[in-house]
């Protein structure tokens, strides 16, 4: 977590000693800050309505061991 963005991450086993997952995500909340400063005596030179700044992303990784020598993983 930060002043303008937050993130979350979790991971765990799918099957004991065979597979695992990792799931994470991020998002921003910068727009409320733009709105706040643009409405406080024109501290910024633009209108908060003019700027739309945001992002989010999600990551997923699945990992599975097929044998001692083989494995497979999936990333999204």
PDB file of N, CA and C in Angstrom:
ATOM      1  N   UNK A   1       0.829  -1.191   0.000  1.00  0.00           N
ATOM      2  CA  UNK A   1       0.000   0.000   0.000  1.00  0.00           C
ATOM      3  C   UNK A   1       0.862   1.238   0.000  1.00  0.00           C
ATOM      4  N   UNK A   2       0.341   2.237  -0.621  1.00  0.00           N
ATOM      5  CA  UNK A   2       1.032   3.503  -0.676  1.00  0.00           C
ATOM      6  C   UNK A   2       0.029   4.636  -0.689  1.00  0.00           C
ATOM      7  N   UNK A   3       0.515   5.804  -0.978  1.00  0.00           N
ATOM      8  CA  UNK A   3      -0.334   6.976  -0.999  1.00  0.00           C
ATOM      9  C   UNK A   3      -1.249   7.003  -2.217  1.00  0.00           C
ATOM     10  N   UNK A   4      -0.815   6.407  -3.326  1.00  0.00           N
ATOM     11  CA  UNK A   4      -1.574   6.478  -4.568  1.00  0.00           C
ATOM     12  C   UNK A   4      -1.986   5.128  -5.126  1.00  0.00           C
ATOM     13  N   UNK A   5      -1.495   4.041  -4.573  1.00  0.00           N
ATOM     14  CA  UNK A   5      -1.821   2.713  -5.112  1.00  0.00           C
ATOM     15  C   UNK A   5      -1.781   1.675  -3.997  1.00  0.00           C
ATOM     16  N   UNK A   6      -2.496   0.588  -4.227  1.00  0.00           N
ATOM     17  CA  UNK A   6      -2.508  -0.537  -3.286  1.00  0.00           C
ATOM     18  C   UNK A   6      -2.295  -1.826  -4.053  1.00  0.00           C
ATOM     19  N   UNK A   7      -1.800  -2.810  -3.350  1.00  0.00           N
ATOM     20  CA  UNK A   7      -1.609  -4.119  -3.972  1.00  0.00           C
ATOM     21  C   UNK A   7      -1.896  -5.207  -2.946  1.00  0.00           C
ATOM     22  N   UNK A   8      -2.195  -6.382  -3.473  1.00  0.00           N
ATOM     23  CA  UNK A   8      -2.458  -7.537  -2.633  1.00  0.00           C
ATOM     24  C   UNK A   8      -1.832  -8.749  -3.313  1.00  0.00           C
ATOM     25  N   UNK A   9      -1.347  -9.691  -2.520  1.00  0.00           N
ATOM     26  CA  UNK A   9      -0.704 -10.891  -3.050  1.00  0.00           C
ATOM     27  C   UNK A   9      -0.991 -12.045  -2.105  1.00  0.00           C
ATOM     28  N   UNK A  10      -1.369 -13.166  -2.676  1.00  0.00           N
ATOM     29  CA  UNK A  10      -1.569 -14.370  -1.883  1.00  0.00           C
ATOM     30  C   UNK A  10      -1.026 -15.554  -2.666  1.00  0.00           C
ATOM     31  N   UNK A  11      -0.540 -16.534  -1.950  1.00  0.00           N
ATOM     32  CA  UNK A  11      -0.030 -17.745  -2.586  1.00  0.00           C
ATOM     33  C   UNK A  11      -0.246 -18.926  -1.660  1.00  0.00           C
ATOM     34  N   UNK A  12      -0.249 -20.117  -2.244  1.00  0.00           N
ATOM     35  CA  UNK A  12      -0.458 -21.301  -1.429  1.00  0.00           C
ATOM     36  C   UNK A  12      -0.380 -22.562  -2.259  1.00  0.00           C
ATOM     37  N   UNK A  13      -0.513 -23.689  -1.603  1.00  0.00           N
ATOM     38  CA  UNK A  13      -0.420 -24.974  -2.305  1.00  0.00           C
ATOM     39  C   UNK A  13      -1.744 -25.340  -2.981  1.00  0.00           C
ATOM     40  N   UNK A  14      -1.641 -26.058  -4.091  1.00  0.00           N
ATOM     41  CA  UNK A  14      -2.820 -26.651  -4.719  1.00  0.00           C
ATOM     42  C   UNK A  14      -2.975 -28.091  -4.264  1.00  0.00           C
ATOM     43  N   UNK A  15      -1.871 -28.795  -4.245  1.00  0.00           N
ATOM     44  CA  UNK A  15      -1.823 -30.170  -3.768  1.00  0.00           C
ATOM     45  C   UNK A  15      -0.451 -30.349  -3.141  1.00  0.00           C
ATOM     46  N   UNK A  16      -0.384 -30.979  -1.995  1.00  0.00           N
ATOM     47  CA  UNK A  16       0.869 -31.073  -1.246  1.00  0.00           C
ATOM     48  C   UNK A  16       2.006 -31.593  -2.117  1.00  0.00           C
ATOM     49  N   UNK A  17       3.071 -30.804  -2.196  1.00  0.00           N
ATOM     50  CA  UNK A  17       4.295 -31.128  -2.936  1.00  0.00           C
ATOM     51  C   UNK A  17       4.069 -31.352  -4.428  1.00  0.00           C
ATOM     52  N   UNK A  18       2.935 -30.930  -4.973  1.00  0.00           N
ATOM     53  CA  UNK A  18       2.672 -31.116  -6.402  1.00  0.00           C
ATOM     54  C   UNK A  18       2.419 -29.804  -7.128  1.00  0.00           C
ATOM     55  N   UNK A  19       1.711 -28.892  -6.514  1.00  0.00           N
ATOM     56  CA  UNK A  19       1.353 -27.667  -7.217  1.00  0.00           C
ATOM     57  C   UNK A  19       1.161 -26.494  -6.280  1.00  0.00           C
ATOM     58  N   UNK A  20       1.162 -25.312  -6.878  1.00  0.00           N
ATOM     59  CA  UNK A  20       0.961 -24.100  -6.091  1.00  0.00           C
ATOM     60  C   UNK A  20       0.318 -23.028  -6.966  1.00  0.00           C
ATOM     61  N   UNK A  21      -0.194 -22.006  -6.309  1.00  0.00           N
ATOM     62  CA  UNK A  21      -0.764 -20.870  -7.020  1.00  0.00           C
ATOM     63  C   UNK A  21      -0.234 -19.582  -6.411  1.00  0.00           C
ATOM     64  N   UNK A  22      -0.242 -18.536  -7.211  1.00  0.00           N
ATOM     65  CA  UNK A  22       0.104 -17.200  -6.768  1.00  0.00           C
ATOM     66  C   UNK A  22      -0.886 -16.258  -7.446  1.00  0.00           C
ATOM     67  N   UNK A  23      -1.545 -15.413  -6.671  1.00  0.00           N
ATOM     68  CA  UNK A  23      -2.529 -14.478  -7.193  1.00  0.00           C
ATOM     69  C   UNK A  23      -2.245 -13.102  -6.607  1.00  0.00           C
ATOM     70  N   UNK A  24      -2.133 -12.118  -7.475  1.00  0.00           N
ATOM     71  CA  UNK A  24      -1.854 -10.765  -7.017  1.00  0.00           C
ATOM     72  C   UNK A  24      -2.603  -9.742  -7.844  1.00  0.00           C
ATOM     73  N   UNK A  25      -2.727  -8.555  -7.304  1.00  0.00           N
ATOM     74  CA  UNK A  25      -3.384  -7.476  -8.023  1.00  0.00           C
ATOM     75  C   UNK A  25      -2.961  -6.121  -7.491  1.00  0.00           C
ATOM     76  N   UNK A  26      -3.074  -5.114  -8.363  1.00  0.00           N
ATOM     77  CA  UNK A  26      -2.755  -3.736  -7.984  1.00  0.00           C
ATOM     78  C   UNK A  26      -3.835  -2.811  -8.529  1.00  0.00           C
ATOM     79  N   UNK A  27      -3.998  -1.693  -7.879  1.00  0.00           N
ATOM     80  CA  UNK A  27      -4.885  -0.648  -8.392  1.00  0.00           C
ATOM     81  C   UNK A  27      -4.461   0.699  -7.825  1.00  0.00           C
ATOM     82  N   UNK A  28      -4.811   1.747  -8.546  1.00  0.00           N
ATOM     83  CA  UNK A  28      -4.481   3.090  -8.111  1.00  0.00           C
ATOM     84  C   UNK A  28      -5.728   3.819  -7.623  1.00  0.00           C
ATOM     85  N   UNK A  29      -5.522   4.773  -6.779  1.00  0.00           N
ATOM     86  CA  UNK A  29      -6.587   5.681  -6.377  1.00  0.00           C
ATOM     87  C   UNK A  29      -6.032   7.100  -6.373  1.00  0.00           C
ATOM     88  N   UNK A  30      -5.491   7.492  -7.530  1.00  0.00           N
ATOM     89  CA  UNK A  30      -4.891   8.807  -7.706  1.00  0.00           C
ATOM     90  C   UNK A  30      -5.937   9.888  -7.996  1.00  0.00           C
ATOM     91  N   UNK A  31      -7.048   9.519  -8.609  1.00  0.00           N
ATOM     92  CA  UNK A  31      -8.066  10.502  -8.991  1.00  0.00           C
ATOM     93  C   UNK A  31      -8.629  11.302  -7.818  1.00  0.00           C
ATOM     94  N   UNK A  32      -8.892  10.705  -6.650  1.00  0.00           N
ATOM     95  CA  UNK A  32      -9.373  11.538  -5.530  1.00  0.00           C
ATOM     96  C   UNK A  32      -8.384  12.637  -5.142  1.00  0.00           C
ATOM     97  N   UNK A  33      -7.097  12.374  -5.267  1.00  0.00           N
ATOM     98  CA  UNK A  33      -6.096  13.399  -4.965  1.00  0.00           C
ATOM     99  C   UNK A  33      -6.158  14.535  -5.985  1.00  0.00           C
ATOM    100  N   UNK A  34      -6.330  14.190  -7.259  1.00  0.00           N
ATOM    101  CA  UNK A  34      -6.452  15.225  -8.288  1.00  0.00           C
ATOM    102  C   UNK A  34      -7.680  16.085  -8.014  1.00  0.00           C
ATOM    103  N   UNK A  35      -8.797  15.440  -7.711  1.00  0.00           N
ATOM    104  CA  UNK A  35     -10.023  16.185  -7.402  1.00  0.00           C
ATOM    105  C   UNK A  35      -9.838  17.087  -6.184  1.00  0.00           C
ATOM    106  N   UNK A  36      -9.199  16.570  -5.155  1.00  0.00           N
ATOM    107  CA  UNK A  36      -8.987  17.337  -3.929  1.00  0.00           C
ATOM    108  C   UNK A  36      -8.181  18.605  -4.204  1.00  0.00           C
ATOM    109  N   UNK A  37      -7.044  18.461  -4.883  1.00  0.00           N
ATOM    110  CA  UNK A  37      -6.178  19.616  -5.110  1.00  0.00           C
ATOM    111  C   UNK A  37      -6.745  20.581  -6.149  1.00  0.00           C
ATOM    112  N   UNK A  38      -7.480  20.095  -7.118  1.00  0.00           N
ATOM    113  CA  UNK A  38      -8.037  20.998  -8.129  1.00  0.00           C
ATOM    114  C   UNK A  38      -9.181  21.837  -7.556  1.00  0.00           C
ATOM    115  N   UNK A  39      -9.812  21.390  -6.482  1.00  0.00           N
ATOM    116  CA  UNK A  39     -10.924  22.135  -5.878  1.00  0.00           C
ATOM    117  C   UNK A  39     -10.474  23.017  -4.716  1.00  0.00           C
ATOM    118  N   UNK A  40      -9.214  22.992  -4.360  1.00  0.00           N
ATOM    119  CA  UNK A  40      -8.690  23.773  -3.235  1.00  0.00           C
ATOM    120  C   UNK A  40      -7.980  25.029  -3.748  1.00  0.00           C
ATOM    121  N   UNK A  41      -8.719  25.992  -4.216  1.00  0.00           N
ATOM    122  CA  UNK A  41      -8.115  27.270  -4.610  1.00  0.00           C
ATOM    123  C   UNK A  41      -7.257  27.173  -5.850  1.00  0.00           C
ATOM    124  N   UNK A  42      -7.612  26.297  -6.769  1.00  0.00           N
ATOM    125  CA  UNK A  42      -6.865  26.141  -8.019  1.00  0.00           C
ATOM    126  C   UNK A  42      -5.370  25.920  -7.788  1.00  0.00           C
ATOM    127  N   UNK A  43      -5.037  25.026  -6.882  1.00  0.00           N
ATOM    128  CA  UNK A  43      -3.627  24.715  -6.637  1.00  0.00           C
ATOM    129  C   UNK A  43      -2.983  24.047  -7.844  1.00  0.00           C
ATOM    130  N   UNK A  44      -3.789  23.404  -8.647  1.00  0.00           N
ATOM    131  CA  UNK A  44      -3.290  22.801  -9.879  1.00  0.00           C
ATOM    132  C   UNK A  44      -3.831  23.605 -11.053  1.00  0.00           C
ATOM    133  N   UNK A  45      -3.153  23.553 -12.171  1.00  0.00           N
ATOM    134  CA  UNK A  45      -3.539  24.370 -13.324  1.00  0.00           C
ATOM    135  C   UNK A  45      -4.517  23.663 -14.249  1.00  0.00           C
ATOM    136  N   UNK A  46      -5.098  22.552 -13.799  1.00  0.00           N
ATOM    137  CA  UNK A  46      -6.055  21.825 -14.630  1.00  0.00           C
ATOM    138  C   UNK A  46      -7.261  21.458 -13.789  1.00  0.00           C
ATOM    139  N   UNK A  47      -8.313  21.117 -14.451  1.00  0.00           N
ATOM    140  CA  UNK A  47      -9.531  20.684 -13.775  1.00  0.00           C
ATOM    141  C   UNK A  47      -9.448  19.191 -13.521  1.00  0.00           C
ATOM    142  N   UNK A  48      -9.907  18.762 -12.363  1.00  0.00           N
ATOM    143  CA  UNK A  48      -9.901  17.333 -12.052  1.00  0.00           C
ATOM    144  C   UNK A  48     -10.764  16.527 -13.003  1.00  0.00           C
ATOM    145  N   UNK A  49     -11.742  17.189 -13.648  1.00  0.00           N
ATOM    146  CA  UNK A  49     -12.595  16.494 -14.610  1.00  0.00           C
ATOM    147  C   UNK A  49     -11.851  16.162 -15.898  1.00  0.00           C
ATOM    148  N   UNK A  50     -10.771  16.863 -16.174  1.00  0.00           N
ATOM    149  CA  UNK A  50     -10.024  16.655 -17.418  1.00  0.00           C
ATOM    150  C   UNK A  50      -9.106  15.443 -17.353  1.00  0.00           C
ATOM    151  N   UNK A  51      -8.729  15.011 -16.162  1.00  0.00           N
ATOM    152  CA  UNK A  51      -7.732  13.949 -16.028  1.00  0.00           C
ATOM    153  C   UNK A  51      -8.383  12.680 -15.503  1.00  0.00           C
ATOM    154  N   UNK A  52      -8.159  11.614 -16.206  1.00  0.00           N
ATOM    155  CA  UNK A  52      -8.615  10.294 -15.777  1.00  0.00           C
ATOM    156  C   UNK A  52      -7.386   9.394 -15.723  1.00  0.00           C
ATOM    157  N   UNK A  53      -6.796   9.299 -14.570  1.00  0.00           N
ATOM    158  CA  UNK A  53      -5.595   8.489 -14.411  1.00  0.00           C
ATOM    159  C   UNK A  53      -5.913   7.346 -13.473  1.00  0.00           C
ATOM    160  N   UNK A  54      -5.860   6.142 -13.998  1.00  0.00           N
ATOM    161  CA  UNK A  54      -6.076   4.967 -13.153  1.00  0.00           C
ATOM    162  C   UNK A  54      -5.487   3.745 -13.842  1.00  0.00           C
ATOM    163  N   UNK A  55      -5.195   2.759 -13.044  1.00  0.00           N
ATOM    164  CA  UNK A  55      -4.766   1.478 -13.589  1.00  0.00           C
ATOM    165  C   UNK A  55      -5.127   0.381 -12.607  1.00  0.00           C
ATOM    166  N   UNK A  56      -5.195  -0.811 -13.127  1.00  0.00           N
ATOM    167  CA  UNK A  56      -5.303  -1.995 -12.291  1.00  0.00           C
ATOM    168  C   UNK A  56      -4.745  -3.157 -13.088  1.00  0.00           C
ATOM    169  N   UNK A  57      -4.251  -4.133 -12.408  1.00  0.00           N
ATOM    170  CA  UNK A  57      -3.820  -5.357 -13.068  1.00  0.00           C
ATOM    171  C   UNK A  57      -3.950  -6.527 -12.105  1.00  0.00           C
ATOM    172  N   UNK A  58      -4.057  -7.698 -12.691  1.00  0.00           N
ATOM    173  CA  UNK A  58      -4.200  -8.944 -11.943  1.00  0.00           C
ATOM    174  C   UNK A  58      -3.197  -9.931 -12.511  1.00  0.00           C
ATOM    175  N   UNK A  59      -2.533 -10.666 -11.641  1.00  0.00           N
ATOM    176  CA  UNK A  59      -1.563 -11.676 -12.048  1.00  0.00           C
ATOM    177  C   UNK A  59      -1.926 -13.007 -11.405  1.00  0.00           C
ATOM    178  N   UNK A  60      -1.821 -14.050 -12.188  1.00  0.00           N
ATOM    179  CA  UNK A  60      -2.105 -15.395 -11.701  1.00  0.00           C
ATOM    180  C   UNK A  60      -1.029 -16.333 -12.225  1.00  0.00           C
ATOM    181  N   UNK A  61      -0.480 -17.141 -11.343  1.00  0.00           N
ATOM    182  CA  UNK A  61       0.486 -18.163 -11.739  1.00  0.00           C
ATOM    183  C   UNK A  61       0.064 -19.485 -11.108  1.00  0.00           C
ATOM    184  N   UNK A  62      -0.043 -20.494 -11.933  1.00  0.00           N
ATOM    185  CA  UNK A  62      -0.320 -21.855 -11.480  1.00  0.00           C
ATOM    186  C   UNK A  62       0.880 -22.708 -11.850  1.00  0.00           C
ATOM    187  N   UNK A  63       1.347 -23.502 -10.927  1.00  0.00           N
ATOM    188  CA  UNK A  63       2.539 -24.333 -11.120  1.00  0.00           C
ATOM    189  C   UNK A  63       2.212 -25.747 -10.650  1.00  0.00           C
ATOM    190  N   UNK A  64       2.534 -26.735 -11.492  1.00  0.00           N
ATOM    191  CA  UNK A  64       2.224 -28.114 -11.134  1.00  0.00           C
ATOM    192  C   UNK A  64       3.375 -29.018 -11.554  1.00  0.00           C
ATOM    193  N   UNK A  65       3.819 -29.884 -10.654  1.00  0.00           N
ATOM    194  CA  UNK A  65       4.891 -30.833 -10.924  1.00  0.00           C
ATOM    195  C   UNK A  65       4.286 -32.143 -11.415  1.00  0.00           C
ATOM    196  N   UNK A  66       4.658 -32.528 -12.634  1.00  0.00           N
ATOM    197  CA  UNK A  66       4.154 -33.771 -13.214  1.00  0.00           C
ATOM    198  C   UNK A  66       4.980 -34.972 -12.778  1.00  0.00           C
ATOM    199  N   UNK A  67       6.299 -34.794 -12.746  1.00  0.00           N
ATOM    200  CA  UNK A  67       7.213 -35.852 -12.313  1.00  0.00           C
ATOM    201  C   UNK A  67       8.473 -35.181 -11.776  1.00  0.00           C
ATOM    202  N   UNK A  68       9.480 -35.982 -11.426  1.00  0.00           N
ATOM    203  CA  UNK A  68      10.731 -35.419 -10.916  1.00  0.00           C
ATOM    204  C   UNK A  68      11.417 -34.530 -11.950  1.00  0.00           C
ATOM    205  N   UNK A  69      11.202 -34.821 -13.224  1.00  0.00           N
ATOM    206  CA  UNK A  69      11.878 -34.075 -14.291  1.00  0.00           C
ATOM    207  C   UNK A  69      10.956 -33.132 -15.059  1.00  0.00           C
ATOM    208  N   UNK A  70       9.661 -33.256 -14.886  1.00  0.00           N
ATOM    209  CA  UNK A  70       8.723 -32.476 -15.693  1.00  0.00           C
ATOM    210  C   UNK A  70       7.759 -31.675 -14.823  1.00  0.00           C
ATOM    211  N   UNK A  71       7.445 -30.510 -15.319  1.00  0.00           N
ATOM    212  CA  UNK A  71       6.468 -29.663 -14.651  1.00  0.00           C
ATOM    213  C   UNK A  71       5.823 -28.737 -15.668  1.00  0.00           C
ATOM    214  N   UNK A  72       4.766 -28.123 -15.272  1.00  0.00           N
ATOM    215  CA  UNK A  72       4.063 -27.197 -16.144  1.00  0.00           C
ATOM    216  C   UNK A  72       3.616 -25.998 -15.311  1.00  0.00           C
ATOM    217  N   UNK A  73       3.617 -24.818 -15.939  1.00  0.00           N
ATOM    218  CA  UNK A  73       3.085 -23.655 -15.243  1.00  0.00           C
ATOM    219  C   UNK A  73       2.301 -22.794 -16.220  1.00  0.00           C
ATOM    220  N   UNK A  74       1.405 -22.025 -15.670  1.00  0.00           N
ATOM    221  CA  UNK A  74       0.511 -21.176 -16.433  1.00  0.00           C
ATOM    222  C   UNK A  74       0.570 -19.777 -15.839  1.00  0.00           C
ATOM    223  N   UNK A  75       0.774 -18.787 -16.692  1.00  0.00           N
ATOM    224  CA  UNK A  75       0.800 -17.387 -16.262  1.00  0.00           C
ATOM    225  C   UNK A  75      -0.313 -16.621 -16.953  1.00  0.00           C
ATOM    226  N   UNK A  76      -0.980 -15.791 -16.197  1.00  0.00           N
ATOM    227  CA  UNK A  76      -2.016 -14.935 -16.773  1.00  0.00           C
ATOM    228  C   UNK A  76      -1.799 -13.522 -16.298  1.00  0.00           C
TER     229      UNK A  76
END
